[in-house]
PDB file of N, CA and C in Angstrom:
ATOM      1  N   MET A   1       0.857  -1.174   0.000  1.00  0.00           N
ATOM      2  CA  MET A   1       0.000   0.000   0.000  1.00  0.00           C
ATOM      3  C   MET A   1       0.904   1.238   0.000  1.00  0.00           C
ATOM      4  N   ASP A   2       0.562   2.178  -0.865  1.00  0.00           N
ATOM      5  CA  ASP A   2       1.369   3.390  -0.907  1.00  0.00           C
ATOM      6  C   ASP A   2       0.982   4.343   0.229  1.00  0.00           C
ATOM      7  N   SER A   3       1.840   5.317   0.460  1.00  0.00           N
ATOM      8  CA  SER A   3       1.622   6.211   1.603  1.00  0.00           C
ATOM      9  C   SER A   3       0.367   7.069   1.435  1.00  0.00           C
ATOM     10  N   ALA A   4       0.020   7.422   0.204  1.00  0.00           N
ATOM     11  CA  ALA A   4      -1.189   8.226  -0.018  1.00  0.00           C
ATOM     12  C   ALA A   4      -2.446   7.433   0.360  1.00  0.00           C
ATOM     13  N   THR A   5      -2.479   6.152   0.013  1.00  0.00           N
ATOM     14  CA  THR A   5      -3.631   5.315   0.369  1.00  0.00           C
ATOM     15  C   THR A   5      -3.704   5.139   1.878  1.00  0.00           C
ATOM     16  N   LYS A   6      -2.558   4.904   2.507  1.00  0.00           N
ATOM     17  CA  LYS A   6      -2.555   4.757   3.972  1.00  0.00           C
ATOM     18  C   LYS A   6      -3.059   6.034   4.641  1.00  0.00           C
ATOM     19  N   GLU A   7      -2.632   7.180   4.140  1.00  0.00           N
ATOM     20  CA  GLU A   7      -3.073   8.449   4.717  1.00  0.00           C
ATOM     21  C   GLU A   7      -4.584   8.627   4.543  1.00  0.00           C
ATOM     22  N   ARG A   8      -5.098   8.252   3.379  1.00  0.00           N
ATOM     23  CA  ARG A   8      -6.560   8.336   3.159  1.00  0.00           C
ATOM     24  C   ARG A   8      -7.301   7.429   4.129  1.00  0.00           C
ATOM     25  N   LEU A   9      -6.790   6.208   4.319  1.00  0.00           N
ATOM     26  CA  LEU A   9      -7.436   5.276   5.244  1.00  0.00           C
ATOM     27  C   LEU A   9      -7.361   5.798   6.675  1.00  0.00           C
ATOM     28  N   ASP A  10      -6.201   6.344   7.062  1.00  0.00           N
ATOM     29  CA  ASP A  10      -6.069   6.927   8.401  1.00  0.00           C
ATOM     30  C   ASP A  10      -7.138   7.997   8.621  1.00  0.00           C
ATOM     31  N   GLN A  11      -7.309   8.866   7.643  1.00  0.00           N
ATOM     32  CA  GLN A  11      -8.279   9.956   7.776  1.00  0.00           C
ATOM     33  C   GLN A  11      -9.709   9.431   7.853  1.00  0.00           C
ATOM     34  N   LEU A  12     -10.035   8.456   7.015  1.00  0.00           N
ATOM     35  CA  LEU A  12     -11.393   7.899   7.037  1.00  0.00           C
ATOM     36  C   LEU A  12     -11.698   7.234   8.382  1.00  0.00           C
ATOM     37  N   VAL A  13     -10.739   6.503   8.905  1.00  0.00           N
ATOM     38  CA  VAL A  13     -10.936   5.782  10.166  1.00  0.00           C
ATOM     39  C   VAL A  13     -10.971   6.747  11.349  1.00  0.00           C
ATOM     40  N   GLN A  14     -10.106   7.759  11.327  1.00  0.00           N
ATOM     41  CA  GLN A  14     -10.029   8.673  12.467  1.00  0.00           C
ATOM     42  C   GLN A  14     -11.111   9.753  12.454  1.00  0.00           C
ATOM     43  N   ASN A  15     -11.584  10.127  11.265  1.00  0.00           N
ATOM     44  CA  ASN A  15     -12.543  11.230  11.173  1.00  0.00           C
ATOM     45  C   ASN A  15     -14.006  10.803  11.253  1.00  0.00           C
ATOM     46  N   ASN A  16     -14.259   9.509  11.351  1.00  0.00           N
ATOM     47  CA  ASN A  16     -15.636   9.010  11.439  1.00  0.00           C
ATOM     48  C   ASN A  16     -15.768   8.101  12.655  1.00  0.00           C
ATOM     49  N   THR A  17     -16.726   8.365  13.496  1.00  0.00           N
ATOM     50  CA  THR A  17     -16.909   7.550  14.700  1.00  0.00           C
ATOM     51  C   THR A  17     -17.162   6.091  14.326  1.00  0.00           C
ATOM     52  N   ILE A  18     -18.045   5.891  13.349  1.00  0.00           N
ATOM     53  CA  ILE A  18     -18.301   4.537  12.849  1.00  0.00           C
ATOM     54  C   ILE A  18     -18.204   4.596  11.331  1.00  0.00           C
ATOM     55  N   VAL A  19     -17.320   3.782  10.779  1.00  0.00           N
ATOM     56  CA  VAL A  19     -17.170   3.745   9.321  1.00  0.00           C
ATOM     57  C   VAL A  19     -17.118   2.290   8.871  1.00  0.00           C
ATOM     58  N   VAL A  20     -17.830   2.031   7.764  1.00  0.00           N
ATOM     59  CA  VAL A  20     -17.896   0.686   7.199  1.00  0.00           C
ATOM     60  C   VAL A  20     -17.294   0.722   5.800  1.00  0.00           C
ATOM     61  N   PHE A  21     -16.257  -0.055   5.592  1.00  0.00           N
ATOM     62  CA  PHE A  21     -15.706  -0.266   4.258  1.00  0.00           C
ATOM     63  C   PHE A  21     -16.473  -1.448   3.687  1.00  0.00           C
ATOM     64  N   MET A  22     -17.209  -1.186   2.602  1.00  0.00           N
ATOM     65  CA  MET A  22     -18.141  -2.204   2.125  1.00  0.00           C
ATOM     66  C   MET A  22     -18.287  -2.153   0.616  1.00  0.00           C
ATOM     67  N   LYS A  23     -18.974  -3.137   0.090  1.00  0.00           N
ATOM     68  CA  LYS A  23     -19.308  -3.150  -1.329  1.00  0.00           C
ATOM     69  C   LYS A  23     -20.651  -2.457  -1.471  1.00  0.00           C
ATOM     70  N   GLY A  24     -20.637  -1.308  -2.138  1.00  0.00           N
ATOM     71  CA  GLY A  24     -21.836  -0.496  -2.261  1.00  0.00           C
ATOM     72  C   GLY A  24     -21.841   0.568  -1.187  1.00  0.00           C
ATOM     73  N   ASN A  25     -23.026   1.048  -0.860  1.00  0.00           N
ATOM     74  CA  ASN A  25     -23.152   2.058   0.195  1.00  0.00           C
ATOM     75  C   ASN A  25     -24.336   1.719   1.079  1.00  0.00           C
ATOM     76  N   LYS A  26     -24.557   2.539   2.106  1.00  0.00           N
ATOM     77  CA  LYS A  26     -25.595   2.211   3.087  1.00  0.00           C
ATOM     78  C   LYS A  26     -26.993   2.173   2.463  1.00  0.00           C
ATOM     79  N   LEU A  27     -27.182   2.893   1.371  1.00  0.00           N
ATOM     80  CA  LEU A  27     -28.490   2.890   0.709  1.00  0.00           C
ATOM     81  C   LEU A  27     -28.635   1.745  -0.282  1.00  0.00           C
ATOM     82  N   MET A  28     -27.516   1.243  -0.796  1.00  0.00           N
ATOM     83  CA  MET A  28     -27.569   0.174  -1.775  1.00  0.00           C
ATOM     84  C   MET A  28     -26.377  -0.763  -1.626  1.00  0.00           C
ATOM     85  N   PRO A  29     -26.380  -1.605  -0.586  1.00  0.00           N
ATOM     86  CA  PRO A  29     -25.292  -2.578  -0.426  1.00  0.00           C
ATOM     87  C   PRO A  29     -25.229  -3.516  -1.635  1.00  0.00           C
ATOM     88  N   GLN A  30     -24.008  -3.861  -2.021  1.00  0.00           N
ATOM     89  CA  GLN A  30     -23.815  -4.686  -3.218  1.00  0.00           C
ATOM     90  C   GLN A  30     -23.451  -6.130  -2.898  1.00  0.00           C
ATOM     91  N   CYS A  31     -23.499  -6.522  -1.627  1.00  0.00           N
ATOM     92  CA  CYS A  31     -23.306  -7.928  -1.279  1.00  0.00           C
ATOM     93  C   CYS A  31     -24.049  -8.212   0.026  1.00  0.00           C
ATOM     94  N   GLY A  32     -24.347  -9.471   0.247  1.00  0.00           N
ATOM     95  CA  GLY A  32     -25.126  -9.846   1.415  1.00  0.00           C
ATOM     96  C   GLY A  32     -24.427  -9.542   2.731  1.00  0.00           C
ATOM     97  N   PHE A  33     -23.114  -9.705   2.765  1.00  0.00           N
ATOM     98  CA  PHE A  33     -22.376  -9.438   4.002  1.00  0.00           C
ATOM     99  C   PHE A  33     -22.408  -7.946   4.338  1.00  0.00           C
ATOM    100  N   SER A  34     -22.225  -7.128   3.313  1.00  0.00           N
ATOM    101  CA  SER A  34     -22.301  -5.677   3.532  1.00  0.00           C
ATOM    102  C   SER A  34     -23.705  -5.297   3.981  1.00  0.00           C
ATOM    103  N   ASN A  35     -24.701  -5.913   3.374  1.00  0.00           N
ATOM    104  CA  ASN A  35     -26.086  -5.636   3.762  1.00  0.00           C
ATOM    105  C   ASN A  35     -26.337  -6.023   5.216  1.00  0.00           C
ATOM    106  N   ASN A  36     -25.771  -7.135   5.669  1.00  0.00           N
ATOM    107  CA  ASN A  36     -25.925  -7.545   7.075  1.00  0.00           C
ATOM    108  C   ASN A  36     -25.428  -6.451   8.016  1.00  0.00           C
ATOM    109  N   VAL A  37     -24.265  -5.907   7.710  1.00  0.00           N
ATOM    110  CA  VAL A  37     -23.670  -4.872   8.562  1.00  0.00           C
ATOM    111  C   VAL A  37     -24.551  -3.631   8.579  1.00  0.00           C
ATOM    112  N   VAL A  38     -25.010  -3.210   7.414  1.00  0.00           N
ATOM    113  CA  VAL A  38     -25.874  -2.025   7.325  1.00  0.00           C
ATOM    114  C   VAL A  38     -27.159  -2.243   8.130  1.00  0.00           C
ATOM    115  N   GLN A  39     -27.749  -3.398   8.000  1.00  0.00           N
ATOM    116  CA  GLN A  39     -29.005  -3.678   8.708  1.00  0.00           C
ATOM    117  C   GLN A  39     -28.795  -3.656  10.222  1.00  0.00           C
ATOM    118  N   ILE A  40     -27.716  -4.244  10.690  1.00  0.00           N
ATOM    119  CA  ILE A  40     -27.437  -4.259  12.132  1.00  0.00           C
ATOM    120  C   ILE A  40     -27.254  -2.839  12.655  1.00  0.00           C
ATOM    121  N   LEU A  41     -26.451  -2.043  11.960  1.00  0.00           N
ATOM    122  CA  LEU A  41     -26.214  -0.671  12.426  1.00  0.00           C
ATOM    123  C   LEU A  41     -27.501   0.152  12.350  1.00  0.00           C
ATOM    124  N   ASN A  42     -28.330  -0.098  11.357  1.00  0.00           N
ATOM    125  CA  ASN A  42     -29.617   0.602  11.267  1.00  0.00           C
ATOM    126  C   ASN A  42     -30.540   0.212  12.422  1.00  0.00           C
ATOM    127  N   VAL A  43     -30.558  -1.065  12.782  1.00  0.00           N
ATOM    128  CA  VAL A  43     -31.387  -1.513  13.906  1.00  0.00           C
ATOM    129  C   VAL A  43     -30.958  -0.820  15.202  1.00  0.00           C
ATOM    130  N   LEU A  44     -29.648  -0.633  15.348  1.00  0.00           N
ATOM    131  CA  LEU A  44     -29.133   0.034  16.549  1.00  0.00           C
ATOM    132  C   LEU A  44     -29.350   1.545  16.496  1.00  0.00           C
ATOM    133  N   GLY A  45     -29.718   2.057  15.327  1.00  0.00           N
ATOM    134  CA  GLY A  45     -29.913   3.500  15.189  1.00  0.00           C
ATOM    135  C   GLY A  45     -28.603   4.258  15.218  1.00  0.00           C
ATOM    136  N   ALA A  46     -27.541   3.574  14.854  1.00  0.00           N
ATOM    137  CA  ALA A  46     -26.213   4.170  14.912  1.00  0.00           C
ATOM    138  C   ALA A  46     -25.930   4.972  13.644  1.00  0.00           C
ATOM    139  N   PRO A  47     -25.509   6.234  13.801  1.00  0.00           N
ATOM    140  CA  PRO A  47     -25.071   6.975  12.616  1.00  0.00           C
ATOM    141  C   PRO A  47     -23.723   6.427  12.143  1.00  0.00           C
ATOM    142  N   PHE A  48     -23.585   6.207  10.850  1.00  0.00           N
ATOM    143  CA  PHE A  48     -22.318   5.676  10.350  1.00  0.00           C
ATOM    144  C   PHE A  48     -22.092   6.120   8.922  1.00  0.00           C
ATOM    145  N   GLU A  49     -20.828   6.097   8.554  1.00  0.00           N
ATOM    146  CA  GLU A  49     -20.423   6.421   7.190  1.00  0.00           C
ATOM    147  C   GLU A  49     -20.022   5.135   6.487  1.00  0.00           C
ATOM    148  N   THR A  50     -20.138   5.145   5.171  1.00  0.00           N
ATOM    149  CA  THR A  50     -19.705   3.993   4.388  1.00  0.00           C
ATOM    150  C   THR A  50     -18.711   4.439   3.327  1.00  0.00           C
ATOM    151  N   VAL A  51     -17.817   3.535   3.000  1.00  0.00           N
ATOM    152  CA  VAL A  51     -16.864   3.746   1.917  1.00  0.00           C
ATOM    153  C   VAL A  51     -17.047   2.581   0.948  1.00  0.00           C
ATOM    154  N   ASP A  52     -17.411   2.909  -0.286  1.00  0.00           N
ATOM    155  CA  ASP A  52     -17.639   1.884  -1.311  1.00  0.00           C
ATOM    156  C   ASP A  52     -16.297   1.458  -1.898  1.00  0.00           C
ATOM    157  N   VAL A  53     -15.857   0.266  -1.534  1.00  0.00           N
ATOM    158  CA  VAL A  53     -14.559  -0.216  -2.007  1.00  0.00           C
ATOM    159  C   VAL A  53     -14.588  -0.560  -3.489  1.00  0.00           C
ATOM    160  N   LEU A  54     -15.777  -0.777  -4.033  1.00  0.00           N
ATOM    161  CA  LEU A  54     -15.882  -1.106  -5.458  1.00  0.00           C
ATOM    162  C   LEU A  54     -15.530   0.101  -6.327  1.00  0.00           C
ATOM    163  N   ALA A  55     -15.640   1.285  -5.757  1.00  0.00           N
ATOM    164  CA  ALA A  55     -15.368   2.508  -6.517  1.00  0.00           C
ATOM    165  C   ALA A  55     -13.898   2.881  -6.513  1.00  0.00           C
ATOM    166  N   ASP A  56     -13.087   2.199  -5.705  1.00  0.00           N
ATOM    167  CA  ASP A  56     -11.683   2.590  -5.581  1.00  0.00           C
ATOM    168  C   ASP A  56     -10.818   1.362  -5.316  1.00  0.00           C
ATOM    169  N   PRO A  57     -10.128   0.855  -6.342  1.00  0.00           N
ATOM    170  CA  PRO A  57      -9.305  -0.349  -6.167  1.00  0.00           C
ATOM    171  C   PRO A  57      -8.189  -0.178  -5.133  1.00  0.00           C
ATOM    172  N   ASP A  58      -7.636   1.034  -5.012  1.00  0.00           N
ATOM    173  CA  ASP A  58      -6.580   1.251  -4.022  1.00  0.00           C
ATOM    174  C   ASP A  58      -7.122   1.074  -2.602  1.00  0.00           C
ATOM    175  N   ILE A  59      -8.310   1.613  -2.353  1.00  0.00           N
ATOM    176  CA  ILE A  59      -8.933   1.462  -1.032  1.00  0.00           C
ATOM    177  C   ILE A  59      -9.357   0.010  -0.821  1.00  0.00           C
ATOM    178  N   ARG A  60      -9.876  -0.617  -1.859  1.00  0.00           N
ATOM    179  CA  ARG A  60     -10.331  -2.011  -1.741  1.00  0.00           C
ATOM    180  C   ARG A  60      -9.204  -2.938  -1.295  1.00  0.00           C
ATOM    181  N   GLN A  61      -8.041  -2.813  -1.920  1.00  0.00           N
ATOM    182  CA  GLN A  61      -6.906  -3.647  -1.526  1.00  0.00           C
ATOM    183  C   GLN A  61      -6.235  -3.100  -0.266  1.00  0.00           C
ATOM    184  N   GLY A  62      -6.151  -1.779  -0.183  1.00  0.00           N
ATOM    185  CA  GLY A  62      -5.454  -1.147   0.928  1.00  0.00           C
ATOM    186  C   GLY A  62      -6.082  -1.434   2.278  1.00  0.00           C
ATOM    187  N   ILE A  63      -7.413  -1.471   2.342  1.00  0.00           N
ATOM    188  CA  ILE A  63      -8.061  -1.688   3.638  1.00  0.00           C
ATOM    189  C   ILE A  63      -7.760  -3.092   4.170  1.00  0.00           C
ATOM    190  N   LYS A  64      -7.553  -4.041   3.266  1.00  0.00           N
ATOM    191  CA  LYS A  64      -7.217  -5.405   3.703  1.00  0.00           C
ATOM    192  C   LYS A  64      -5.837  -5.437   4.360  1.00  0.00           C
ATOM    193  N   GLU A  65      -4.912  -4.685   3.797  1.00  0.00           N
ATOM    194  CA  GLU A  65      -3.568  -4.605   4.381  1.00  0.00           C
ATOM    195  C   GLU A  65      -3.599  -3.766   5.662  1.00  0.00           C
ATOM    196  N   TYR A  66      -4.380  -2.702   5.642  1.00  0.00           N
ATOM    197  CA  TYR A  66      -4.468  -1.774   6.777  1.00  0.00           C
ATOM    198  C   TYR A  66      -4.922  -2.494   8.041  1.00  0.00           C
ATOM    199  N   SER A  67      -5.924  -3.352   7.886  1.00  0.00           N
ATOM    200  CA  SER A  67      -6.489  -4.055   9.038  1.00  0.00           C
ATOM    201  C   SER A  67      -5.879  -5.439   9.241  1.00  0.00           C
ATOM    202  N   ASN A  68      -5.154  -5.915   8.205  1.00  0.00           N
ATOM    203  CA  ASN A  68      -4.670  -7.294   8.208  1.00  0.00           C
ATOM    204  C   ASN A  68      -5.846  -8.264   8.306  1.00  0.00           C
ATOM    205  N   TRP A  69      -6.906  -7.940   7.569  1.00  0.00           N
ATOM    206  CA  TRP A  69      -8.123  -8.745   7.548  1.00  0.00           C
ATOM    207  C   TRP A  69      -8.474  -8.948   6.079  1.00  0.00           C
ATOM    208  N   PRO A  70      -8.718 -10.182   5.638  1.00  0.00           N
ATOM    209  CA  PRO A  70      -8.804 -10.437   4.197  1.00  0.00           C
ATOM    210  C   PRO A  70     -10.147 -10.148   3.527  1.00  0.00           C
ATOM    211  N   THR A  71     -11.179  -9.913   4.293  1.00  0.00           N
ATOM    212  CA  THR A  71     -12.488  -9.805   3.662  1.00  0.00           C
ATOM    213  C   THR A  71     -13.131  -8.445   3.894  1.00  0.00           C
ATOM    214  N   ILE A  72     -14.149  -8.177   3.106  1.00  0.00           N
ATOM    215  CA  ILE A  72     -14.937  -6.955   3.188  1.00  0.00           C
ATOM    216  C   ILE A  72     -16.384  -7.393   3.347  1.00  0.00           C
ATOM    217  N   PRO A  73     -17.155  -6.770   4.199  1.00  0.00           N
ATOM    218  CA  PRO A  73     -16.992  -5.457   4.818  1.00  0.00           C
ATOM    219  C   PRO A  73     -16.063  -5.481   6.028  1.00  0.00           C
ATOM    220  N   GLN A  74     -15.636  -4.265   6.394  1.00  0.00           N
ATOM    221  CA  GLN A  74     -14.847  -4.061   7.596  1.00  0.00           C
ATOM    222  C   GLN A  74     -15.421  -2.866   8.338  1.00  0.00           C
ATOM    223  N   VAL A  75     -15.571  -3.045   9.647  1.00  0.00           N
ATOM    224  CA  VAL A  75     -16.175  -1.998  10.475  1.00  0.00           C
ATOM    225  C   VAL A  75     -15.147  -1.455  11.453  1.00  0.00           C
ATOM    226  N   TYR A  76     -15.076  -0.130  11.525  1.00  0.00           N
ATOM    227  CA  TYR A  76     -14.219   0.558  12.484  1.00  0.00           C
ATOM    228  C   TYR A  76     -15.108   1.408  13.380  1.00  0.00           C
ATOM    229  N   ILE A  77     -14.870   1.306  14.679  1.00  0.00           N
ATOM    230  CA  ILE A  77     -15.585   2.141  15.644  1.00  0.00           C
ATOM    231  C   ILE A  77     -14.547   2.857  16.489  1.00  0.00           C
ATOM    232  N   ASN A  78     -14.666   4.169  16.548  1.00  0.00           N
ATOM    233  CA  ASN A  78     -13.709   5.009  17.295  1.00  0.00           C
ATOM    234  C   ASN A  78     -12.270   4.709  16.907  1.00  0.00           C
ATOM    235  N   GLY A  79     -12.034   4.533  15.625  1.00  0.00           N
ATOM    236  CA  GLY A  79     -10.686   4.322  15.128  1.00  0.00           C
ATOM    237  C   GLY A  79     -10.146   2.916  15.290  1.00  0.00           C
ATOM    238  N   GLU A  80     -10.935   2.025  15.863  1.00  0.00           N
ATOM    239  CA  GLU A  80     -10.488   0.656  16.099  1.00  0.00           C
ATOM    240  C   GLU A  80     -11.198  -0.307  15.158  1.00  0.00           C
ATOM    241  N   PHE A  81     -10.435  -1.235  14.581  1.00  0.00           N
ATOM    242  CA  PHE A  81     -11.020  -2.262  13.739  1.00  0.00           C
ATOM    243  C   PHE A  81     -11.835  -3.224  14.605  1.00  0.00           C
ATOM    244  N   VAL A  82     -13.101  -3.417  14.244  1.00  0.00           N
ATOM    245  CA  VAL A  82     -13.973  -4.314  15.006  1.00  0.00           C
ATOM    246  C   VAL A  82     -14.053  -5.674  14.329  1.00  0.00           C
ATOM    247  N   GLY A  83     -14.267  -5.703  13.020  1.00  0.00           N
ATOM    248  CA  GLY A  83     -14.356  -6.961  12.312  1.00  0.00           C
ATOM    249  C   GLY A  83     -15.252  -6.853  11.105  1.00  0.00           C
ATOM    250  N   GLY A  84     -15.640  -8.023  10.611  1.00  0.00           N
ATOM    251  CA  GLY A  84     -16.501  -8.094   9.444  1.00  0.00           C
ATOM    252  C   GLY A  84     -17.909  -8.491   9.826  1.00  0.00           C
ATOM    253  N   SER A  85     -18.634  -9.001   8.858  1.00  0.00           N
ATOM    254  CA  SER A  85     -20.045  -9.312   9.033  1.00  0.00           C
ATOM    255  C   SER A  85     -20.289 -10.328  10.150  1.00  0.00           C
ATOM    256  N   ASP A  86     -19.563 -11.436  10.128  1.00  0.00           N
ATOM    257  CA  ASP A  86     -19.798 -12.490  11.121  1.00  0.00           C
ATOM    258  C   ASP A  86     -19.531 -12.000  12.542  1.00  0.00           C
ATOM    259  N   ILE A  87     -18.460 -11.222  12.697  1.00  0.00           N
ATOM    260  CA  ILE A  87     -18.129 -10.706  14.031  1.00  0.00           C
ATOM    261  C   ILE A  87     -19.186  -9.705  14.486  1.00  0.00           C
ATOM    262  N   LEU A  88     -19.649  -8.867  13.550  1.00  0.00           N
ATOM    263  CA  LEU A  88     -20.673  -7.895  13.920  1.00  0.00           C
ATOM    264  C   LEU A  88     -21.972  -8.592  14.341  1.00  0.00           C
ATOM    265  N   ILE A  89     -22.331  -9.641  13.635  1.00  0.00           N
ATOM    266  CA  ILE A  89     -23.540 -10.398  13.996  1.00  0.00           C
ATOM    267  C   ILE A  89     -23.396 -10.966  15.407  1.00  0.00           C
ATOM    268  N   GLU A  90     -22.230 -11.548  15.688  1.00  0.00           N
ATOM    269  CA  GLU A  90     -21.992 -12.123  17.010  1.00  0.00           C
ATOM    270  C   GLU A  90     -22.043 -11.055  18.097  1.00  0.00           C
ATOM    271  N   LEU A  91     -21.393  -9.917  17.847  1.00  0.00           N
ATOM    272  CA  LEU A  91     -21.388  -8.836  18.833  1.00  0.00           C
ATOM    273  C   LEU A  91     -22.792  -8.270  19.030  1.00  0.00           C
ATOM    274  N   TYR A  92     -23.555  -8.214  17.950  1.00  0.00           N
ATOM    275  CA  TYR A  92     -24.929  -7.718  18.048  1.00  0.00           C
ATOM    276  C   TYR A  92     -25.776  -8.678  18.892  1.00  0.00           C
ATOM    277  N   GLN A  93     -25.635  -9.966  18.621  1.00  0.00           N
ATOM    278  CA  GLN A  93     -26.455 -10.962  19.313  1.00  0.00           C
ATOM    279  C   GLN A  93     -26.144 -11.042  20.807  1.00  0.00           C
ATOM    280  N   ASN A  94     -24.886 -10.802  21.181  1.00  0.00           N
ATOM    281  CA  ASN A  94     -24.582 -10.870  22.617  1.00  0.00           C
ATOM    282  C   ASN A  94     -24.653  -9.506  23.308  1.00  0.00           C
ATOM    283  N   GLY A  95     -25.071  -8.480  22.566  1.00  0.00           N
ATOM    284  CA  GLY A  95     -25.294  -7.167  23.164  1.00  0.00           C
ATOM    285  C   GLY A  95     -24.071  -6.271  23.251  1.00  0.00           C
ATOM    286  N   LYS A  96     -22.908  -6.807  22.896  1.00  0.00           N
ATOM    287  CA  LYS A  96     -21.676  -6.024  23.030  1.00  0.00           C
ATOM    288  C   LYS A  96     -21.572  -4.910  21.987  1.00  0.00           C
ATOM    289  N   LEU A  97     -22.155  -5.124  20.813  1.00  0.00           N
ATOM    290  CA  LEU A  97     -22.069  -4.096  19.777  1.00  0.00           C
ATOM    291  C   LEU A  97     -22.820  -2.841  20.197  1.00  0.00           C
ATOM    292  N   GLN A  98     -23.998  -3.016  20.755  1.00  0.00           N
ATOM    293  CA  GLN A  98     -24.769  -1.852  21.206  1.00  0.00           C
ATOM    294  C   GLN A  98     -23.971  -1.070  22.248  1.00  0.00           C
ATOM    295  N   GLU A  99     -23.328  -1.784  23.142  1.00  0.00           N
ATOM    296  CA  GLU A  99     -22.506  -1.141  24.163  1.00  0.00           C
ATOM    297  C   GLU A  99     -21.348  -0.373  23.523  1.00  0.00           C
ATOM    298  N   MET A 100     -20.687  -0.996  22.550  1.00  0.00           N
ATOM    299  CA  MET A 100     -19.568  -0.341  21.865  1.00  0.00           C
ATOM    300  C   MET A 100     -20.035   0.928  21.143  1.00  0.00           C
ATOM    301  N   VAL A 101     -21.179   0.838  20.491  1.00  0.00           N
ATOM    302  CA  VAL A 101     -21.722   1.990  19.758  1.00  0.00           C
ATOM    303  C   VAL A 101     -22.089   3.108  20.729  1.00  0.00           C
ATOM    304  N   GLU A 102     -22.731   2.773  21.815  1.00  0.00           N
ATOM    305  CA  GLU A 102     -23.132   3.792  22.788  1.00  0.00           C
ATOM    306  C   GLU A 102     -21.914   4.500  23.379  1.00  0.00           C
ATOM    307  N   ILE A 103     -20.879   3.752  23.697  1.00  0.00           N
ATOM    308  CA  ILE A 103     -19.654   4.352  24.226  1.00  0.00           C
ATOM    309  C   ILE A 103     -19.013   5.260  23.181  1.00  0.00           C
ATOM    310  N   ALA A 104     -18.966   4.780  21.933  1.00  0.00           N
ATOM    311  CA  ALA A 104     -18.348   5.575  20.861  1.00  0.00           C
ATOM    312  C   ALA A 104     -19.107   6.882  20.635  1.00  0.00           C
ATOM    313  N   LEU A 105     -20.420   6.812  20.654  1.00  0.00           N
ATOM    314  CA  LEU A 105     -21.220   8.007  20.383  1.00  0.00           C
ATOM    315  C   LEU A 105     -21.190   8.979  21.564  1.00  0.00           C
ATOM    316  N   ALA A 106     -20.947   8.463  22.759  1.00  0.00           N
ATOM    317  CA  ALA A 106     -20.904   9.318  23.940  1.00  0.00           C
ATOM    318  C   ALA A 106     -19.547  10.011  24.091  1.00  0.00           C
ATOM    319  N   SER A 107     -18.527   9.490  23.423  1.00  0.00           N
ATOM    320  CA  SER A 107     -17.184  10.064  23.595  1.00  0.00           C
ATOM    321  C   SER A 107     -16.929  11.210  22.646  1.00  0.00           C
TER     322      SER A 107
END
């Protein structure tokens, strides 16, 4: 990953309380896993930003290196990598995601 891509990723992660790197956007997810993440965050009423990795090959590959996680979507809360669709589902089901979101929004 080049330094310009890393800097863009740093800014996206640090400047948004909750950001989802996904295929498509929050209004039109382009894969089922991305849609799962959007639906969960919508159920929680959490404000979040999305970055469509399909629109930018540098971001699409770069985010995988940035997080050291091979799949998309990827969710960051308060600058920290949380995980992908399966992890978000698990955190949602055990109540930890709501807690993480509430703490992030309160800070």
